[in-house]
N, C-alpha and C. Protein backbone atom coordinates (compact mmCIF):
# COMPACT_ATOMS: atom_id res chain seq x y z
N MET A 1 4.25 -4.32 -6.18
CA MET A 1 3.99 -5.74 -6.04
C MET A 1 2.58 -6.10 -6.53
N LEU A 2 1.58 -5.29 -5.99
CA LEU A 2 0.22 -5.50 -6.38
C LEU A 2 0.09 -5.21 -7.90
N GLY A 3 0.83 -4.22 -8.41
CA GLY A 3 0.76 -3.93 -9.78
C GLY A 3 1.22 -5.09 -10.71
N LYS A 4 2.32 -5.80 -10.13
CA LYS A 4 2.82 -6.99 -10.88
C LYS A 4 1.80 -8.13 -10.90
N ILE A 5 1.19 -8.31 -9.72
CA ILE A 5 0.10 -9.30 -9.65
C ILE A 5 -0.99 -9.01 -10.66
N ARG A 6 -1.35 -7.77 -10.73
CA ARG A 6 -2.42 -7.35 -11.71
C ARG A 6 -2.03 -7.74 -13.14
N SER A 7 -0.76 -7.39 -13.49
CA SER A 7 -0.32 -7.65 -14.89
C SER A 7 -0.21 -9.17 -15.21
N ASN A 8 0.10 -9.92 -14.23
CA ASN A 8 0.31 -11.34 -14.39
C ASN A 8 -0.95 -12.11 -14.36
N THR A 9 -1.99 -11.54 -13.82
CA THR A 9 -3.30 -12.23 -13.67
C THR A 9 -4.44 -11.35 -14.27
N LYS A 10 -4.08 -10.61 -15.29
CA LYS A 10 -5.11 -9.67 -15.86
C LYS A 10 -6.32 -10.41 -16.36
N SER A 11 -6.18 -11.47 -17.11
CA SER A 11 -7.37 -12.19 -17.64
C SER A 11 -8.28 -12.73 -16.53
N ALA A 12 -7.65 -13.24 -15.50
CA ALA A 12 -8.41 -13.81 -14.37
C ALA A 12 -9.18 -12.71 -13.68
N LEU A 13 -8.52 -11.51 -13.46
CA LEU A 13 -9.13 -10.41 -12.80
C LEU A 13 -10.34 -9.89 -13.59
N ILE A 14 -10.16 -9.91 -14.91
CA ILE A 14 -11.27 -9.42 -15.74
C ILE A 14 -12.48 -10.33 -15.63
N LYS A 15 -12.26 -11.65 -15.57
CA LYS A 15 -13.30 -12.66 -15.40
C LYS A 15 -14.02 -12.40 -14.04
N ILE A 16 -13.28 -12.22 -13.02
CA ILE A 16 -13.87 -11.96 -11.70
C ILE A 16 -14.65 -10.65 -11.73
N ALA A 17 -14.07 -9.67 -12.35
CA ALA A 17 -14.75 -8.32 -12.42
C ALA A 17 -16.05 -8.46 -13.17
N LYS A 18 -16.15 -9.30 -14.18
CA LYS A 18 -17.38 -9.43 -14.93
C LYS A 18 -18.48 -10.01 -14.03
N VAL A 19 -18.11 -10.92 -13.17
CA VAL A 19 -19.09 -11.47 -12.25
C VAL A 19 -19.52 -10.37 -11.24
N LEU A 20 -18.53 -9.59 -10.76
CA LEU A 20 -18.83 -8.48 -9.77
C LEU A 20 -19.59 -7.32 -10.38
N SER A 21 -19.54 -7.24 -11.70
CA SER A 21 -20.15 -6.08 -12.35
C SER A 21 -21.67 -6.07 -12.22
N ILE A 22 -22.26 -7.16 -11.72
CA ILE A 22 -23.68 -7.10 -11.44
C ILE A 22 -24.04 -6.19 -10.27
N LEU A 23 -23.00 -5.90 -9.50
CA LEU A 23 -23.28 -5.06 -8.31
C LEU A 23 -23.63 -3.63 -8.78
N PRO A 24 -24.60 -3.02 -8.11
CA PRO A 24 -25.11 -1.75 -8.54
C PRO A 24 -24.16 -0.61 -8.05
N LEU A 25 -22.93 -0.71 -8.41
CA LEU A 25 -21.90 0.28 -7.93
C LEU A 25 -21.17 0.85 -9.15
N SER A 26 -20.78 2.10 -9.09
CA SER A 26 -19.93 2.67 -10.06
C SER A 26 -18.50 2.18 -9.74
N ALA A 27 -17.57 2.43 -10.65
CA ALA A 27 -16.20 2.03 -10.46
C ALA A 27 -15.59 2.73 -9.24
N ASN A 28 -15.86 4.02 -9.09
CA ASN A 28 -15.31 4.70 -7.90
C ASN A 28 -15.97 4.25 -6.60
N GLN A 29 -17.23 3.93 -6.64
CA GLN A 29 -17.91 3.43 -5.48
C GLN A 29 -17.30 2.02 -5.03
N PHE A 30 -17.06 1.21 -6.12
CA PHE A 30 -16.42 -0.04 -5.81
C PHE A 30 -15.02 0.14 -5.12
N THR A 31 -14.25 1.06 -5.65
CA THR A 31 -12.95 1.34 -5.03
C THR A 31 -13.17 1.84 -3.59
N PHE A 32 -14.16 2.61 -3.32
CA PHE A 32 -14.38 3.13 -1.97
C PHE A 32 -14.78 2.07 -0.95
N THR A 33 -15.26 0.93 -1.45
CA THR A 33 -15.61 -0.14 -0.52
C THR A 33 -14.41 -0.65 0.30
N ALA A 34 -13.18 -0.40 -0.25
CA ALA A 34 -11.98 -0.79 0.43
C ALA A 34 -11.85 0.01 1.75
N VAL A 35 -12.35 1.23 1.74
CA VAL A 35 -12.34 2.04 3.03
C VAL A 35 -13.16 1.42 4.05
N ILE A 36 -14.37 0.97 3.68
CA ILE A 36 -15.32 0.34 4.61
C ILE A 36 -14.71 -0.89 5.19
N LEU A 37 -14.15 -1.72 4.27
CA LEU A 37 -13.54 -3.00 4.70
C LEU A 37 -12.32 -2.73 5.60
N SER A 38 -11.55 -1.73 5.33
CA SER A 38 -10.43 -1.43 6.19
C SER A 38 -10.85 -0.87 7.57
N GLY A 39 -12.02 -0.25 7.60
CA GLY A 39 -12.57 0.19 8.90
C GLY A 39 -12.95 -0.95 9.77
N VAL A 40 -13.53 -2.00 9.13
CA VAL A 40 -13.90 -3.20 9.91
C VAL A 40 -12.60 -3.88 10.35
N ALA A 41 -11.61 -3.92 9.47
CA ALA A 41 -10.31 -4.54 9.88
C ALA A 41 -9.72 -3.83 11.05
N ALA A 42 -9.74 -2.47 11.03
CA ALA A 42 -9.22 -1.64 12.11
C ALA A 42 -9.90 -2.05 13.43
N TYR A 43 -11.18 -2.18 13.34
CA TYR A 43 -11.98 -2.54 14.60
C TYR A 43 -11.48 -3.83 15.18
N PHE A 44 -11.25 -4.87 14.37
CA PHE A 44 -10.79 -6.16 14.90
C PHE A 44 -9.35 -6.07 15.37
N LEU A 45 -8.51 -5.30 14.63
CA LEU A 45 -7.12 -5.16 15.04
C LEU A 45 -7.00 -4.45 16.38
N ALA A 46 -7.84 -3.47 16.59
CA ALA A 46 -7.86 -2.71 17.86
C ALA A 46 -8.23 -3.62 18.99
N ASN A 47 -9.09 -4.62 18.72
CA ASN A 47 -9.54 -5.54 19.73
C ASN A 47 -8.77 -6.87 19.70
N GLU A 48 -7.63 -6.88 19.04
CA GLU A 48 -6.71 -7.98 18.93
C GLU A 48 -7.38 -9.29 18.39
N LYS A 49 -8.37 -9.10 17.59
CA LYS A 49 -9.00 -10.24 16.90
C LYS A 49 -8.32 -10.38 15.55
N TYR A 50 -7.10 -10.85 15.55
CA TYR A 50 -6.23 -10.73 14.39
C TYR A 50 -6.69 -11.58 13.24
N ILE A 51 -7.25 -12.71 13.38
CA ILE A 51 -7.67 -13.50 12.26
C ILE A 51 -8.77 -12.84 11.45
N PHE A 52 -9.69 -12.14 12.21
CA PHE A 52 -10.69 -11.37 11.48
C PHE A 52 -10.17 -10.12 10.88
N GLY A 53 -9.17 -9.52 11.58
CA GLY A 53 -8.48 -8.38 11.07
C GLY A 53 -7.84 -8.70 9.74
N VAL A 54 -7.11 -9.81 9.71
CA VAL A 54 -6.47 -10.29 8.46
C VAL A 54 -7.48 -10.51 7.30
N LEU A 55 -8.57 -11.10 7.63
CA LEU A 55 -9.62 -11.33 6.64
C LEU A 55 -10.03 -10.05 5.97
N PHE A 56 -10.31 -8.99 6.75
CA PHE A 56 -10.78 -7.76 6.11
C PHE A 56 -9.61 -6.96 5.54
N VAL A 57 -8.41 -7.10 5.98
CA VAL A 57 -7.24 -6.47 5.33
C VAL A 57 -7.10 -7.14 3.92
N VAL A 58 -7.22 -8.40 3.88
CA VAL A 58 -7.09 -9.11 2.56
C VAL A 58 -8.24 -8.72 1.64
N LEU A 59 -9.46 -8.60 2.16
CA LEU A 59 -10.57 -8.21 1.29
C LEU A 59 -10.44 -6.77 0.76
N ALA A 60 -9.89 -5.88 1.61
CA ALA A 60 -9.63 -4.52 1.15
C ALA A 60 -8.53 -4.52 0.08
N SER A 61 -7.53 -5.44 0.20
CA SER A 61 -6.47 -5.54 -0.82
C SER A 61 -7.00 -6.07 -2.09
N LEU A 62 -7.96 -7.01 -1.97
CA LEU A 62 -8.58 -7.59 -3.16
C LEU A 62 -9.33 -6.51 -3.98
N ILE A 63 -9.95 -5.59 -3.27
CA ILE A 63 -10.61 -4.54 -3.96
C ILE A 63 -9.66 -3.73 -4.79
N ASP A 64 -8.51 -3.50 -4.24
CA ASP A 64 -7.45 -2.71 -4.93
C ASP A 64 -6.98 -3.47 -6.14
N LEU A 65 -6.91 -4.81 -6.04
CA LEU A 65 -6.52 -5.60 -7.21
C LEU A 65 -7.56 -5.53 -8.31
N LEU A 66 -8.81 -5.51 -7.87
CA LEU A 66 -9.92 -5.73 -8.82
C LEU A 66 -10.53 -4.44 -9.39
N ASP A 67 -10.28 -3.29 -8.76
CA ASP A 67 -11.01 -2.09 -9.09
C ASP A 67 -10.74 -1.61 -10.52
N GLY A 68 -9.46 -1.77 -10.99
CA GLY A 68 -9.16 -1.39 -12.32
C GLY A 68 -9.90 -2.22 -13.33
N SER A 69 -9.95 -3.56 -13.05
CA SER A 69 -10.64 -4.45 -13.97
C SER A 69 -12.16 -4.19 -13.91
N PHE A 70 -12.68 -3.92 -12.69
CA PHE A 70 -14.05 -3.52 -12.53
C PHE A 70 -14.44 -2.31 -13.36
N ALA A 71 -13.58 -1.32 -13.30
CA ALA A 71 -13.84 -0.11 -14.10
C ALA A 71 -13.79 -0.42 -15.59
N TYR A 72 -12.88 -1.27 -16.04
CA TYR A 72 -12.77 -1.66 -17.46
C TYR A 72 -14.02 -2.36 -17.94
N VAL A 73 -14.51 -3.34 -17.09
CA VAL A 73 -15.74 -4.06 -17.47
C VAL A 73 -16.92 -3.13 -17.50
N LYS A 74 -16.98 -2.17 -16.62
CA LYS A 74 -18.07 -1.18 -16.51
C LYS A 74 -17.94 -0.04 -17.54
N ASN A 75 -16.79 -0.11 -18.28
CA ASN A 75 -16.48 0.98 -19.22
C ASN A 75 -16.48 2.34 -18.52
N GLN A 76 -15.83 2.38 -17.28
CA GLN A 76 -15.84 3.60 -16.53
C GLN A 76 -14.41 4.00 -16.15
N LYS A 77 -13.39 3.54 -16.95
CA LYS A 77 -12.05 3.90 -16.63
C LYS A 77 -11.86 5.35 -16.94
N SER A 78 -11.19 6.15 -16.07
CA SER A 78 -11.00 7.55 -16.25
C SER A 78 -9.76 8.02 -15.53
N PRO A 79 -9.18 9.17 -15.94
CA PRO A 79 -8.02 9.75 -15.26
C PRO A 79 -8.28 9.98 -13.71
N PHE A 80 -9.52 10.46 -13.44
CA PHE A 80 -9.80 10.72 -12.05
C PHE A 80 -9.91 9.40 -11.29
N GLY A 81 -10.42 8.34 -11.96
CA GLY A 81 -10.48 7.08 -11.30
C GLY A 81 -9.17 6.54 -10.89
N ASN A 82 -8.14 6.77 -11.80
CA ASN A 82 -6.79 6.41 -11.51
C ASN A 82 -6.24 7.14 -10.30
N TYR A 83 -6.54 8.44 -10.24
CA TYR A 83 -6.13 9.30 -9.08
C TYR A 83 -6.86 8.82 -7.76
N PHE A 84 -8.13 8.60 -7.91
CA PHE A 84 -8.94 8.21 -6.80
C PHE A 84 -8.52 6.87 -6.17
N ASP A 85 -8.17 5.97 -7.01
CA ASP A 85 -7.68 4.63 -6.64
C ASP A 85 -6.39 4.81 -5.75
N ALA A 86 -5.49 5.65 -6.15
CA ALA A 86 -4.23 5.86 -5.41
C ALA A 86 -4.49 6.51 -4.03
N ILE A 87 -5.46 7.44 -4.03
CA ILE A 87 -5.80 8.16 -2.78
C ILE A 87 -6.45 7.15 -1.81
N ILE A 88 -7.38 6.31 -2.29
CA ILE A 88 -7.99 5.33 -1.42
C ILE A 88 -7.01 4.33 -0.86
N ASP A 89 -6.00 3.96 -1.70
CA ASP A 89 -4.95 3.08 -1.17
C ASP A 89 -4.32 3.64 0.09
N LYS A 90 -4.01 4.93 0.07
CA LYS A 90 -3.40 5.58 1.27
C LYS A 90 -4.37 5.65 2.38
N VAL A 91 -5.62 5.97 2.15
CA VAL A 91 -6.66 6.03 3.18
C VAL A 91 -6.76 4.71 3.89
N VAL A 92 -6.78 3.60 3.11
CA VAL A 92 -6.88 2.29 3.65
C VAL A 92 -5.76 1.97 4.59
N GLU A 93 -4.53 2.32 4.18
CA GLU A 93 -3.39 2.03 5.05
C GLU A 93 -3.47 2.86 6.36
N VAL A 94 -3.88 4.14 6.22
CA VAL A 94 -3.98 4.96 7.41
C VAL A 94 -4.98 4.36 8.37
N ILE A 95 -6.12 3.88 7.90
CA ILE A 95 -7.18 3.25 8.74
C ILE A 95 -6.62 1.97 9.41
N ILE A 96 -5.90 1.20 8.67
CA ILE A 96 -5.36 -0.11 9.22
C ILE A 96 -4.36 0.21 10.37
N TYR A 97 -3.48 1.18 10.14
CA TYR A 97 -2.53 1.53 11.18
C TYR A 97 -3.20 2.23 12.37
N PHE A 98 -4.33 2.91 12.09
CA PHE A 98 -5.12 3.55 13.15
C PHE A 98 -5.60 2.37 14.09
N GLY A 99 -6.10 1.34 13.58
CA GLY A 99 -6.56 0.17 14.31
C GLY A 99 -5.45 -0.38 15.18
N LEU A 100 -4.24 -0.57 14.58
CA LEU A 100 -3.07 -1.08 15.32
C LEU A 100 -2.58 -0.06 16.38
N ALA A 101 -2.84 1.20 16.19
CA ALA A 101 -2.37 2.20 17.10
C ALA A 101 -2.93 2.10 18.52
N PHE A 102 -4.10 1.50 18.63
CA PHE A 102 -4.72 1.33 20.00
C PHE A 102 -3.87 0.53 20.88
N ASN A 103 -3.10 -0.45 20.33
CA ASN A 103 -2.26 -1.31 21.14
C ASN A 103 -0.80 -1.02 20.87
N TYR A 104 -0.44 -0.43 19.78
CA TYR A 104 0.96 -0.14 19.44
C TYR A 104 1.11 1.24 18.86
N PRO A 105 0.85 2.26 19.73
CA PRO A 105 0.74 3.63 19.16
C PRO A 105 2.04 4.12 18.57
N ILE A 106 3.20 3.89 19.23
CA ILE A 106 4.47 4.37 18.65
C ILE A 106 4.83 3.67 17.32
N LEU A 107 4.75 2.31 17.38
CA LEU A 107 5.11 1.57 16.22
C LEU A 107 4.21 1.84 15.01
N ALA A 108 2.88 1.94 15.32
CA ALA A 108 1.96 2.24 14.25
C ALA A 108 2.24 3.58 13.66
N PHE A 109 2.67 4.53 14.47
CA PHE A 109 2.96 5.90 13.92
C PHE A 109 4.21 5.82 13.04
N ILE A 110 5.24 5.09 13.55
CA ILE A 110 6.46 4.97 12.74
C ILE A 110 6.22 4.29 11.41
N CYS A 111 5.41 3.25 11.43
CA CYS A 111 5.07 2.54 10.18
C CYS A 111 4.31 3.45 9.22
N LEU A 112 3.39 4.21 9.76
CA LEU A 112 2.62 5.12 8.93
C LEU A 112 3.54 6.22 8.34
N ALA A 113 4.48 6.76 9.21
CA ALA A 113 5.33 7.73 8.81
C ALA A 113 6.27 7.28 7.66
N THR A 114 6.86 6.10 7.83
CA THR A 114 7.75 5.61 6.79
C THR A 114 6.94 5.28 5.53
N THR A 115 5.70 4.84 5.66
CA THR A 115 4.84 4.62 4.47
C THR A 115 4.61 5.90 3.72
N MET A 116 4.33 6.96 4.41
CA MET A 116 4.14 8.29 3.78
C MET A 116 5.41 8.78 3.08
N LEU A 117 6.54 8.55 3.71
CA LEU A 117 7.84 8.96 3.16
C LEU A 117 8.10 8.26 1.88
N VAL A 118 7.99 6.92 1.89
CA VAL A 118 8.30 6.07 0.70
C VAL A 118 7.27 6.42 -0.47
N SER A 119 6.05 6.73 -0.06
CA SER A 119 5.06 7.04 -1.07
C SER A 119 5.31 8.46 -1.68
N TYR A 120 5.76 9.41 -0.90
CA TYR A 120 6.04 10.76 -1.41
C TYR A 120 7.28 10.82 -2.23
N ALA A 121 8.29 9.98 -1.89
CA ALA A 121 9.52 10.08 -2.63
C ALA A 121 9.42 9.86 -4.12
N LYS A 122 8.45 9.11 -4.48
CA LYS A 122 8.24 8.79 -5.89
C LYS A 122 7.58 9.92 -6.72
N PRO A 123 6.38 10.40 -6.34
CA PRO A 123 5.71 11.41 -7.08
C PRO A 123 6.41 12.78 -6.98
N ARG A 124 7.17 13.04 -5.93
CA ARG A 124 7.84 14.33 -5.75
C ARG A 124 8.86 14.62 -6.90
N VAL A 125 9.43 13.55 -7.44
CA VAL A 125 10.41 13.79 -8.52
C VAL A 125 9.74 14.35 -9.78
N ALA A 126 8.43 14.21 -9.90
CA ALA A 126 7.66 14.69 -11.02
C ALA A 126 7.61 16.25 -11.05
N LEU A 127 7.99 16.84 -9.88
CA LEU A 127 8.01 18.34 -9.84
C LEU A 127 9.34 18.84 -10.25
N VAL A 128 10.26 17.93 -10.59
CA VAL A 128 11.60 18.31 -11.02
C VAL A 128 11.84 17.95 -12.48
N ILE A 129 11.34 16.70 -12.83
CA ILE A 129 11.54 16.23 -14.24
C ILE A 129 10.18 15.59 -14.69
N GLU A 130 10.08 15.41 -15.98
CA GLU A 130 8.97 14.68 -16.52
C GLU A 130 9.22 13.17 -16.37
N THR A 131 8.33 12.47 -15.73
CA THR A 131 8.45 11.09 -15.45
C THR A 131 7.12 10.38 -15.47
N ASP A 132 7.17 9.05 -15.60
CA ASP A 132 5.90 8.29 -15.60
C ASP A 132 5.90 7.41 -14.36
N ASN A 133 4.87 6.59 -14.27
CA ASN A 133 4.66 5.70 -13.08
C ASN A 133 5.25 4.33 -13.27
N HIS A 134 6.47 4.26 -13.84
CA HIS A 134 7.11 2.93 -14.01
C HIS A 134 7.55 2.45 -12.67
N ASP A 135 7.85 1.12 -12.65
CA ASP A 135 8.27 0.49 -11.40
C ASP A 135 9.65 0.99 -10.91
N TRP A 136 9.65 1.50 -9.76
CA TRP A 136 10.93 1.98 -9.21
C TRP A 136 11.55 0.83 -8.38
N PRO A 137 12.90 0.69 -8.40
CA PRO A 137 13.58 -0.34 -7.64
C PRO A 137 13.58 0.01 -6.12
N ALA A 138 12.56 -0.47 -5.40
CA ALA A 138 12.52 -0.21 -4.02
C ALA A 138 11.78 -1.28 -3.27
N ILE A 139 12.29 -1.71 -2.12
CA ILE A 139 11.55 -2.60 -1.23
C ILE A 139 10.55 -1.83 -0.36
N GLY A 140 9.67 -2.54 0.27
CA GLY A 140 8.82 -1.86 1.20
C GLY A 140 7.62 -1.15 0.52
N GLU A 141 7.28 -1.58 -0.72
CA GLU A 141 6.10 -1.01 -1.41
C GLU A 141 4.84 -1.53 -0.70
N ARG A 142 3.70 -1.01 -1.16
CA ARG A 142 2.49 -1.33 -0.43
C ARG A 142 2.17 -2.80 -0.38
N GLY A 143 2.37 -3.53 -1.45
CA GLY A 143 2.18 -4.95 -1.42
C GLY A 143 3.12 -5.64 -0.42
N ASP A 144 4.38 -5.20 -0.38
CA ASP A 144 5.27 -5.81 0.58
C ASP A 144 4.84 -5.54 2.00
N ARG A 145 4.42 -4.36 2.27
CA ARG A 145 3.96 -4.00 3.61
C ARG A 145 2.75 -4.82 4.09
N LEU A 146 1.84 -4.94 3.13
CA LEU A 146 0.58 -5.67 3.48
C LEU A 146 0.91 -7.20 3.69
N CYS A 147 1.79 -7.74 2.89
CA CYS A 147 2.16 -9.16 3.06
C CYS A 147 2.83 -9.37 4.37
N LEU A 148 3.78 -8.46 4.72
CA LEU A 148 4.43 -8.58 6.05
C LEU A 148 3.46 -8.49 7.20
N LEU A 149 2.52 -7.55 7.09
CA LEU A 149 1.56 -7.38 8.11
C LEU A 149 0.66 -8.57 8.28
N VAL A 150 0.14 -9.04 7.14
CA VAL A 150 -0.80 -10.20 7.18
C VAL A 150 -0.05 -11.42 7.75
N LEU A 151 1.16 -11.62 7.33
CA LEU A 151 1.96 -12.77 7.82
C LEU A 151 2.18 -12.65 9.35
N GLY A 152 2.51 -11.42 9.79
CA GLY A 152 2.72 -11.21 11.25
C GLY A 152 1.52 -11.47 12.05
N LEU A 153 0.34 -10.99 11.53
CA LEU A 153 -0.95 -11.13 12.28
C LEU A 153 -1.36 -12.55 12.35
N ILE A 154 -1.12 -13.34 11.27
CA ILE A 154 -1.45 -14.75 11.27
C ILE A 154 -0.61 -15.48 12.26
N ILE A 155 0.70 -15.16 12.27
CA ILE A 155 1.58 -15.83 13.25
C ILE A 155 1.16 -15.49 14.64
N ALA A 156 0.84 -14.21 14.89
CA ALA A 156 0.40 -13.74 16.21
C ALA A 156 -0.81 -14.45 16.72
N GLU A 157 -1.73 -14.77 15.80
CA GLU A 157 -2.99 -15.38 16.17
C GLU A 157 -2.77 -16.85 16.58
N PHE A 158 -1.87 -17.54 15.92
CA PHE A 158 -1.73 -18.96 16.15
C PHE A 158 -0.46 -19.43 16.83
N VAL A 159 0.49 -18.56 16.93
CA VAL A 159 1.79 -18.97 17.53
C VAL A 159 2.15 -18.06 18.72
N HIS A 160 2.49 -18.69 19.86
CA HIS A 160 2.93 -17.91 21.03
C HIS A 160 4.25 -18.41 21.39
N ILE A 161 5.24 -17.52 21.35
CA ILE A 161 6.64 -17.87 21.59
C ILE A 161 7.08 -17.41 22.99
N ASP A 162 7.58 -18.36 23.80
CA ASP A 162 8.11 -17.99 25.07
C ASP A 162 9.64 -18.35 25.07
N CYS A 163 10.37 -17.56 25.71
CA CYS A 163 11.78 -17.83 25.82
C CYS A 163 12.18 -17.84 27.27
N ILE A 164 13.45 -17.99 27.56
CA ILE A 164 13.89 -18.02 28.97
C ILE A 164 13.59 -16.63 29.61
N TYR A 165 13.63 -16.68 30.87
CA TYR A 165 13.28 -15.46 31.68
C TYR A 165 11.76 -15.11 31.52
N THR A 166 11.00 -16.06 31.02
CA THR A 166 9.51 -15.99 30.85
C THR A 166 9.10 -14.71 30.09
N TYR A 167 9.96 -14.31 29.11
CA TYR A 167 9.60 -13.12 28.30
C TYR A 167 8.82 -13.65 27.11
N ASN A 168 7.70 -13.01 26.84
CA ASN A 168 6.85 -13.33 25.72
C ASN A 168 7.19 -12.46 24.52
N PHE A 169 7.49 -13.08 23.40
CA PHE A 169 7.69 -12.28 22.18
C PHE A 169 6.40 -11.78 21.64
N ASP A 170 6.33 -10.51 21.35
CA ASP A 170 5.19 -9.94 20.77
C ASP A 170 5.33 -9.92 19.25
N ILE A 171 4.71 -10.87 18.57
CA ILE A 171 4.85 -11.03 17.13
C ILE A 171 4.43 -9.82 16.42
N VAL A 172 3.32 -9.21 16.77
CA VAL A 172 2.79 -8.03 16.08
C VAL A 172 3.81 -6.87 16.22
N GLN A 173 4.39 -6.72 17.38
CA GLN A 173 5.34 -5.66 17.61
C GLN A 173 6.56 -5.90 16.69
N ILE A 174 7.07 -7.13 16.66
CA ILE A 174 8.21 -7.45 15.80
C ILE A 174 7.87 -7.20 14.34
N SER A 175 6.62 -7.55 13.89
CA SER A 175 6.23 -7.38 12.48
C SER A 175 6.21 -5.88 12.17
N LEU A 176 5.73 -5.06 13.02
CA LEU A 176 5.70 -3.66 12.79
C LEU A 176 7.07 -3.05 12.70
N CYS A 177 7.97 -3.51 13.50
CA CYS A 177 9.35 -3.08 13.47
C CYS A 177 9.99 -3.45 12.10
N ILE A 178 9.71 -4.65 11.67
CA ILE A 178 10.24 -5.14 10.35
C ILE A 178 9.65 -4.24 9.23
N ILE A 179 8.37 -4.01 9.27
CA ILE A 179 7.71 -3.17 8.27
C ILE A 179 8.33 -1.78 8.20
N ALA A 180 8.58 -1.20 9.39
CA ALA A 180 9.17 0.17 9.45
C ALA A 180 10.59 0.22 8.86
N VAL A 181 11.38 -0.82 9.22
CA VAL A 181 12.78 -0.83 8.71
C VAL A 181 12.82 -1.03 7.26
N VAL A 182 12.06 -2.04 6.75
CA VAL A 182 12.02 -2.33 5.35
C VAL A 182 11.54 -1.15 4.51
N THR A 183 10.51 -0.45 5.02
CA THR A 183 9.90 0.67 4.27
C THR A 183 10.91 1.82 4.29
N PHE A 184 11.64 2.05 5.39
CA PHE A 184 12.61 3.12 5.43
C PHE A 184 13.76 2.87 4.45
N ILE A 185 14.17 1.65 4.36
CA ILE A 185 15.16 1.25 3.35
C ILE A 185 14.69 1.57 1.95
N GLY A 186 13.44 1.26 1.73
CA GLY A 186 12.86 1.58 0.37
C GLY A 186 12.77 3.06 0.18
N PHE A 187 12.58 3.81 1.16
CA PHE A 187 12.55 5.33 1.06
C PHE A 187 13.94 5.77 0.62
N ILE A 188 15.03 5.28 1.24
CA ILE A 188 16.36 5.69 0.89
C ILE A 188 16.69 5.23 -0.59
N GLN A 189 16.24 4.01 -0.93
CA GLN A 189 16.44 3.54 -2.28
C GLN A 189 15.82 4.48 -3.30
N ARG A 190 14.62 4.98 -3.00
CA ARG A 190 13.91 5.84 -3.95
C ARG A 190 14.58 7.23 -4.08
N ILE A 191 15.18 7.67 -2.96
CA ILE A 191 15.93 8.93 -3.03
C ILE A 191 17.13 8.83 -4.02
N PHE A 192 17.86 7.74 -3.84
CA PHE A 192 18.97 7.55 -4.77
C PHE A 192 18.54 7.31 -6.22
N TYR A 193 17.39 6.65 -6.41
CA TYR A 193 16.96 6.46 -7.76
C TYR A 193 16.48 7.78 -8.32
N ALA A 194 15.80 8.57 -7.53
CA ALA A 194 15.34 9.95 -8.01
C ALA A 194 16.58 10.76 -8.33
N LYS A 195 17.62 10.67 -7.58
CA LYS A 195 18.85 11.43 -7.87
C LYS A 195 19.43 11.04 -9.25
N LYS A 196 19.39 9.72 -9.49
CA LYS A 196 19.84 9.20 -10.77
C LYS A 196 19.01 9.71 -11.97
N LEU A 197 17.70 9.74 -11.76
CA LEU A 197 16.76 10.23 -12.87
C LEU A 197 16.96 11.70 -13.08
N ILE A 198 17.14 12.48 -11.94
CA ILE A 198 17.29 13.94 -12.06
C ILE A 198 18.65 14.25 -12.75
N LYS A 199 19.64 13.57 -12.40
CA LYS A 199 20.98 13.79 -12.98
C LYS A 199 20.94 13.60 -14.46
N LYS A 200 20.31 12.44 -14.85
CA LYS A 200 20.20 12.15 -16.31
C LYS A 200 19.38 13.21 -17.05
N ALA A 201 18.26 13.65 -16.43
CA ALA A 201 17.45 14.64 -17.05
C ALA A 201 18.23 16.01 -17.18
N GLN A 202 18.99 16.34 -16.15
CA GLN A 202 19.76 17.52 -16.20
C GLN A 202 20.82 17.51 -17.30
N GLU A 203 21.44 16.37 -17.44
CA GLU A 203 22.48 16.26 -18.55
C GLU A 203 21.84 16.36 -19.85
N GLU A 204 20.61 15.91 -20.03
CA GLU A 204 19.89 15.96 -21.31
C GLU A 204 19.10 17.23 -21.50
N GLY A 205 19.17 18.13 -20.52
CA GLY A 205 18.47 19.38 -20.62
C GLY A 205 16.90 19.23 -20.49
N LYS A 206 16.51 18.22 -19.71
CA LYS A 206 15.07 17.91 -19.63
C LYS A 206 14.49 18.20 -18.28
N LEU A 207 15.11 19.12 -17.55
CA LEU A 207 14.46 19.51 -16.26
C LEU A 207 13.25 20.32 -16.59
N LEU A 208 12.28 20.35 -15.70
CA LEU A 208 11.09 21.19 -15.95
C LEU A 208 11.48 22.62 -16.05
N SER A 209 10.82 23.37 -16.91
CA SER A 209 11.22 24.75 -17.32
C SER A 209 11.53 25.68 -16.19
N TYR A 210 10.75 25.62 -15.15
CA TYR A 210 10.92 26.63 -14.04
C TYR A 210 12.19 26.33 -13.27
N LEU A 211 12.81 25.16 -13.44
CA LEU A 211 14.02 24.76 -12.73
C LEU A 211 15.29 24.92 -13.59
N LYS A 212 15.14 25.12 -14.89
CA LYS A 212 16.30 25.27 -15.71
C LYS A 212 17.12 26.50 -15.39
N LEU A 213 18.45 26.30 -15.34
CA LEU A 213 19.29 27.40 -15.00
C LEU A 213 19.38 28.34 -16.20
N LYS A 214 19.39 29.62 -15.89
CA LYS A 214 19.44 30.61 -17.02
C LYS A 214 20.91 30.95 -17.34
């Protein structure tokens, strides 16, 4: 999702990156600022200050949107930068769920677990066949998860729902459940898509050499 936003708003992101390029930061340092912002977000989430938590979650996400353009403007794009960006994305999510774990330990763990599963399902296929980082048909990608989380936190901050029997709906709890279910479905989708890619590669004799049958 974030990748699609990047491609659709590339010129705008370049313009913003040119303004930000006055910052005395390297491209990788700029990417790392998302970790700091997510740490602040986690603090507010742990203390149930959701509107501030949302603010810093969004800021951390904006860094992810802009870091590629920032590297381009600084003429610092590199293979390691591409790798580092992906690693920082995962670190940011771990920190955000860590903040939520103070109040929702089980659900935060489940969300983090499904996030790691759906993330691993895609690169693991590269140990079986040669593949690239094209868009896979799966729901529950990082952008989807962040949007669901941000929406849930905003609702939790401003809306309080009571029903009969005086039971209070916990919007954050419901949001985390939705994230976990959607992400797990995406994980299953990726397994089936990987099976399709592997079967095609096997038929074409394009499995990696150490897996080819003798």
